[in-house]
Amino acid sequence: MQGRAMLVACWALLLLALGPAQGAVPTRVQPDTSVQKQEKDLYIGAIFPINGTGGWLGGQGCLPAALMALEDVNAEPNLLPGYRMKMPYNDSQVRK
């Protein structure tokens, strides 16, 4: 059951990061070419079970999945206009 809990936790992180966009209606945003706007950093901290002596082995896949989701969010200019998401992460080093 512990493995299922870790899977749910990983999915919850991804859904929190992408959740608001799932029900949004796509809109067109006209770029303002007169002024170069600098993007602001939006940080989401994360802890993943990458190494350790116990826990869920599938936890090692959470980090690559989260990084891929982060790339997708940052690549979509209409999703978070004016912001660039960054994700500092750490290894929880799960132990039994």
N, C-alpha and C. Protein backbone atom coordinates (compact mmCIF):
# COMPACT_ATOMS: atom_id res chain seq x y z
N MET A 1 0.81 -1.19 0.00
CA MET A 1 0.00 0.00 0.00
C MET A 1 0.86 1.26 0.00
N GLN A 2 2.09 1.17 0.50
CA GLN A 2 2.97 2.33 0.54
C GLN A 2 3.30 2.80 -0.88
N GLY A 3 3.49 1.88 -1.80
CA GLY A 3 3.78 2.23 -3.18
C GLY A 3 2.65 3.01 -3.82
N ARG A 4 1.43 2.61 -3.53
CA ARG A 4 0.26 3.31 -4.06
C ARG A 4 0.19 4.73 -3.51
N ALA A 5 0.53 4.89 -2.24
CA ALA A 5 0.50 6.22 -1.63
C ALA A 5 1.53 7.13 -2.30
N MET A 6 2.70 6.62 -2.62
CA MET A 6 3.72 7.42 -3.29
C MET A 6 3.28 7.80 -4.70
N LEU A 7 2.64 6.86 -5.39
CA LEU A 7 2.14 7.14 -6.73
C LEU A 7 1.10 8.25 -6.68
N VAL A 8 0.20 8.17 -5.72
CA VAL A 8 -0.82 9.20 -5.56
C VAL A 8 -0.18 10.54 -5.25
N ALA A 9 0.86 10.54 -4.42
CA ALA A 9 1.55 11.78 -4.08
C ALA A 9 2.21 12.40 -5.31
N CYS A 10 2.83 11.58 -6.15
CA CYS A 10 3.47 12.10 -7.36
C CYS A 10 2.43 12.70 -8.31
N TRP A 11 1.33 11.99 -8.49
CA TRP A 11 0.27 12.51 -9.36
C TRP A 11 -0.33 13.79 -8.79
N ALA A 12 -0.47 13.84 -7.47
CA ALA A 12 -1.02 15.04 -6.85
C ALA A 12 -0.14 16.25 -7.14
N LEU A 13 1.17 16.07 -7.07
CA LEU A 13 2.10 17.16 -7.37
C LEU A 13 1.92 17.65 -8.81
N LEU A 14 1.83 16.71 -9.73
CA LEU A 14 1.65 17.09 -11.13
C LEU A 14 0.31 17.77 -11.36
N LEU A 15 -0.74 17.26 -10.72
CA LEU A 15 -2.05 17.87 -10.88
C LEU A 15 -2.11 19.26 -10.26
N LEU A 16 -1.40 19.45 -9.15
CA LEU A 16 -1.35 20.79 -8.56
C LEU A 16 -0.66 21.77 -9.50
N ALA A 17 0.39 21.29 -10.16
CA ALA A 17 1.12 22.16 -11.07
C ALA A 17 0.32 22.47 -12.33
N LEU A 18 -0.45 21.50 -12.80
CA LEU A 18 -1.16 21.67 -14.06
C LEU A 18 -2.67 21.81 -13.90
N GLY A 19 -3.19 21.58 -12.72
CA GLY A 19 -4.63 21.53 -12.48
C GLY A 19 -5.42 22.70 -13.00
N PRO A 20 -5.07 23.94 -12.69
CA PRO A 20 -5.89 25.05 -13.14
C PRO A 20 -6.02 25.14 -14.65
N ALA A 21 -5.05 24.65 -15.38
CA ALA A 21 -5.09 24.75 -16.84
C ALA A 21 -6.01 23.71 -17.47
N GLN A 22 -6.33 22.64 -16.75
CA GLN A 22 -7.11 21.56 -17.34
C GLN A 22 -8.52 21.99 -17.73
N GLY A 23 -9.15 22.85 -16.94
CA GLY A 23 -10.51 23.26 -17.24
C GLY A 23 -10.59 24.61 -17.92
N ALA A 24 -9.48 25.22 -18.19
CA ALA A 24 -9.47 26.57 -18.76
C ALA A 24 -9.83 26.53 -20.24
N VAL A 25 -10.49 27.58 -20.67
CA VAL A 25 -10.82 27.72 -22.08
C VAL A 25 -9.63 28.36 -22.78
N PRO A 26 -9.16 27.76 -23.87
CA PRO A 26 -8.01 28.35 -24.56
C PRO A 26 -8.33 29.74 -25.08
N THR A 27 -7.42 30.66 -24.92
CA THR A 27 -7.60 32.01 -25.43
C THR A 27 -6.35 32.43 -26.17
N ARG A 28 -6.51 33.39 -27.03
CA ARG A 28 -5.37 33.93 -27.77
C ARG A 28 -4.91 35.20 -27.07
N VAL A 29 -3.65 35.28 -26.81
CA VAL A 29 -3.06 36.47 -26.22
C VAL A 29 -2.16 37.10 -27.26
N GLN A 30 -2.45 38.35 -27.58
CA GLN A 30 -1.62 39.05 -28.55
C GLN A 30 -0.34 39.52 -27.88
N PRO A 31 0.80 39.15 -28.40
CA PRO A 31 2.06 39.58 -27.79
C PRO A 31 2.25 41.08 -27.92
N ASP A 32 2.75 41.69 -26.88
CA ASP A 32 3.06 43.11 -26.87
C ASP A 32 4.47 43.28 -27.41
N THR A 33 4.57 43.70 -28.66
CA THR A 33 5.89 43.80 -29.29
C THR A 33 6.58 45.12 -28.98
N SER A 34 5.86 46.07 -28.39
CA SER A 34 6.47 47.38 -28.12
C SER A 34 7.41 47.35 -26.93
N VAL A 35 7.17 46.45 -25.99
CA VAL A 35 7.98 46.39 -24.78
C VAL A 35 8.40 44.95 -24.54
N GLN A 36 9.68 44.74 -24.29
CA GLN A 36 10.15 43.41 -23.93
C GLN A 36 9.86 43.19 -22.45
N LYS A 37 8.99 42.25 -22.16
CA LYS A 37 8.66 41.96 -20.76
C LYS A 37 9.55 40.84 -20.25
N GLN A 38 10.04 41.03 -19.06
CA GLN A 38 10.88 40.01 -18.45
C GLN A 38 9.99 39.08 -17.64
N GLU A 39 10.19 37.78 -17.81
CA GLU A 39 9.39 36.80 -17.08
C GLU A 39 9.81 36.76 -15.62
N LYS A 40 8.83 36.57 -14.75
CA LYS A 40 9.10 36.41 -13.33
C LYS A 40 9.20 34.92 -13.04
N ASP A 41 10.05 34.58 -12.09
CA ASP A 41 10.21 33.18 -11.70
C ASP A 41 9.11 32.78 -10.72
N LEU A 42 8.51 31.63 -10.96
CA LEU A 42 7.50 31.06 -10.08
C LEU A 42 8.04 29.71 -9.60
N TYR A 43 8.33 29.61 -8.32
CA TYR A 43 8.99 28.43 -7.78
C TYR A 43 7.98 27.46 -7.16
N ILE A 44 8.18 26.17 -7.44
CA ILE A 44 7.45 25.09 -6.80
C ILE A 44 8.50 24.14 -6.24
N GLY A 45 8.58 24.04 -4.92
CA GLY A 45 9.55 23.13 -4.30
C GLY A 45 9.05 21.69 -4.37
N ALA A 46 9.97 20.75 -4.44
CA ALA A 46 9.59 19.35 -4.55
C ALA A 46 10.58 18.46 -3.81
N ILE A 47 10.06 17.36 -3.27
CA ILE A 47 10.88 16.34 -2.63
C ILE A 47 10.48 15.01 -3.25
N PHE A 48 11.47 14.29 -3.78
CA PHE A 48 11.20 13.02 -4.44
C PHE A 48 12.03 11.90 -3.81
N PRO A 49 11.48 10.67 -3.75
CA PRO A 49 12.23 9.52 -3.22
C PRO A 49 13.15 8.94 -4.30
N ILE A 50 14.28 9.58 -4.53
CA ILE A 50 15.18 9.17 -5.60
C ILE A 50 16.12 8.06 -5.14
N ASN A 51 16.74 8.24 -3.99
CA ASN A 51 17.67 7.25 -3.44
C ASN A 51 17.19 6.84 -2.06
N GLY A 52 17.77 5.79 -1.54
CA GLY A 52 17.44 5.35 -0.19
C GLY A 52 17.39 3.84 -0.11
N THR A 53 17.22 3.35 1.09
CA THR A 53 17.23 1.90 1.32
C THR A 53 15.85 1.29 1.35
N GLY A 54 14.83 2.08 1.33
CA GLY A 54 13.48 1.53 1.38
C GLY A 54 12.52 2.39 0.60
N GLY A 55 11.26 2.11 0.78
CA GLY A 55 10.25 2.92 0.10
C GLY A 55 9.87 2.34 -1.24
N TRP A 56 9.31 3.17 -2.03
CA TRP A 56 8.73 2.78 -3.31
C TRP A 56 9.75 2.95 -4.42
N LEU A 57 10.07 1.88 -5.13
CA LEU A 57 11.05 1.94 -6.21
C LEU A 57 10.59 2.83 -7.36
N GLY A 58 9.30 2.89 -7.59
CA GLY A 58 8.77 3.73 -8.66
C GLY A 58 8.92 5.22 -8.40
N GLY A 59 9.29 5.58 -7.18
CA GLY A 59 9.46 6.99 -6.84
C GLY A 59 10.55 7.66 -7.65
N GLN A 60 11.48 6.87 -8.16
CA GLN A 60 12.57 7.43 -8.96
C GLN A 60 12.05 8.02 -10.27
N GLY A 61 10.88 7.60 -10.69
CA GLY A 61 10.29 8.13 -11.92
C GLY A 61 9.54 9.43 -11.72
N CYS A 62 9.32 9.83 -10.48
CA CYS A 62 8.57 11.06 -10.21
C CYS A 62 9.32 12.30 -10.67
N LEU A 63 10.62 12.35 -10.44
CA LEU A 63 11.41 13.53 -10.83
C LEU A 63 11.39 13.75 -12.34
N PRO A 64 11.71 12.73 -13.15
CA PRO A 64 11.67 12.98 -14.60
C PRO A 64 10.27 13.39 -15.09
N ALA A 65 9.23 12.80 -14.51
CA ALA A 65 7.86 13.16 -14.91
C ALA A 65 7.56 14.61 -14.56
N ALA A 66 7.97 15.04 -13.38
CA ALA A 66 7.73 16.42 -12.96
C ALA A 66 8.53 17.40 -13.83
N LEU A 67 9.77 17.04 -14.18
CA LEU A 67 10.58 17.91 -15.03
C LEU A 67 9.99 18.02 -16.44
N MET A 68 9.44 16.92 -16.95
CA MET A 68 8.79 16.96 -18.26
C MET A 68 7.55 17.85 -18.22
N ALA A 69 6.76 17.73 -17.14
CA ALA A 69 5.57 18.57 -17.00
C ALA A 69 5.97 20.04 -16.91
N LEU A 70 7.04 20.32 -16.20
CA LEU A 70 7.54 21.68 -16.06
C LEU A 70 7.95 22.25 -17.42
N GLU A 71 8.61 21.45 -18.23
CA GLU A 71 8.99 21.89 -19.58
C GLU A 71 7.76 22.21 -20.41
N ASP A 72 6.74 21.35 -20.32
CA ASP A 72 5.51 21.58 -21.08
C ASP A 72 4.81 22.87 -20.65
N VAL A 73 4.76 23.11 -19.36
CA VAL A 73 4.12 24.33 -18.85
C VAL A 73 4.88 25.56 -19.34
N ASN A 74 6.19 25.53 -19.23
CA ASN A 74 7.00 26.68 -19.65
C ASN A 74 6.99 26.90 -21.16
N ALA A 75 6.74 25.85 -21.92
CA ALA A 75 6.73 25.96 -23.38
C ALA A 75 5.43 26.56 -23.90
N GLU A 76 4.39 26.58 -23.10
CA GLU A 76 3.09 27.10 -23.52
C GLU A 76 2.96 28.57 -23.11
N PRO A 77 3.08 29.51 -24.04
CA PRO A 77 3.11 30.93 -23.69
C PRO A 77 1.80 31.46 -23.11
N ASN A 78 0.69 30.83 -23.40
CA ASN A 78 -0.61 31.32 -22.92
C ASN A 78 -1.00 30.74 -21.57
N LEU A 79 -0.24 29.78 -21.06
CA LEU A 79 -0.61 29.12 -19.81
C LEU A 79 -0.32 29.99 -18.60
N LEU A 80 0.88 30.47 -18.47
CA LEU A 80 1.27 31.37 -17.37
C LEU A 80 2.01 32.57 -17.97
N PRO A 81 1.29 33.45 -18.66
CA PRO A 81 1.98 34.56 -19.31
C PRO A 81 2.73 35.44 -18.31
N GLY A 82 3.97 35.71 -18.62
CA GLY A 82 4.79 36.55 -17.76
C GLY A 82 5.53 35.81 -16.66
N TYR A 83 5.34 34.49 -16.60
CA TYR A 83 5.99 33.70 -15.56
C TYR A 83 6.74 32.53 -16.17
N ARG A 84 7.78 32.12 -15.49
CA ARG A 84 8.55 30.92 -15.85
C ARG A 84 8.65 30.07 -14.59
N MET A 85 8.09 28.86 -14.66
CA MET A 85 8.11 27.97 -13.50
C MET A 85 9.49 27.35 -13.33
N LYS A 86 9.92 27.28 -12.09
CA LYS A 86 11.16 26.61 -11.72
C LYS A 86 10.86 25.67 -10.57
N MET A 87 11.60 24.56 -10.51
CA MET A 87 11.32 23.56 -9.49
C MET A 87 12.61 23.12 -8.81
N PRO A 88 13.01 23.79 -7.74
CA PRO A 88 14.12 23.24 -6.96
C PRO A 88 13.64 21.96 -6.28
N TYR A 89 14.43 20.92 -6.32
CA TYR A 89 14.01 19.65 -5.73
C TYR A 89 15.10 19.09 -4.84
N ASN A 90 14.68 18.13 -4.02
CA ASN A 90 15.60 17.47 -3.12
C ASN A 90 15.24 16.00 -3.05
N ASP A 91 16.20 15.19 -2.66
CA ASP A 91 16.02 13.75 -2.52
C ASP A 91 15.61 13.44 -1.08
N SER A 92 14.47 12.78 -0.92
CA SER A 92 14.00 12.46 0.44
C SER A 92 14.79 11.30 1.06
N GLN A 93 15.56 10.57 0.24
CA GLN A 93 16.38 9.45 0.70
C GLN A 93 15.59 8.54 1.65
N VAL A 94 14.53 7.97 1.12
CA VAL A 94 13.63 7.13 1.90
C VAL A 94 14.39 5.99 2.57
N ARG A 95 14.10 5.78 3.83
CA ARG A 95 14.69 4.67 4.59
C ARG A 95 13.58 3.89 5.28
N LYS A 96 13.80 2.60 5.43
CA LYS A 96 12.82 1.77 6.15
C LYS A 96 13.09 1.82 7.63
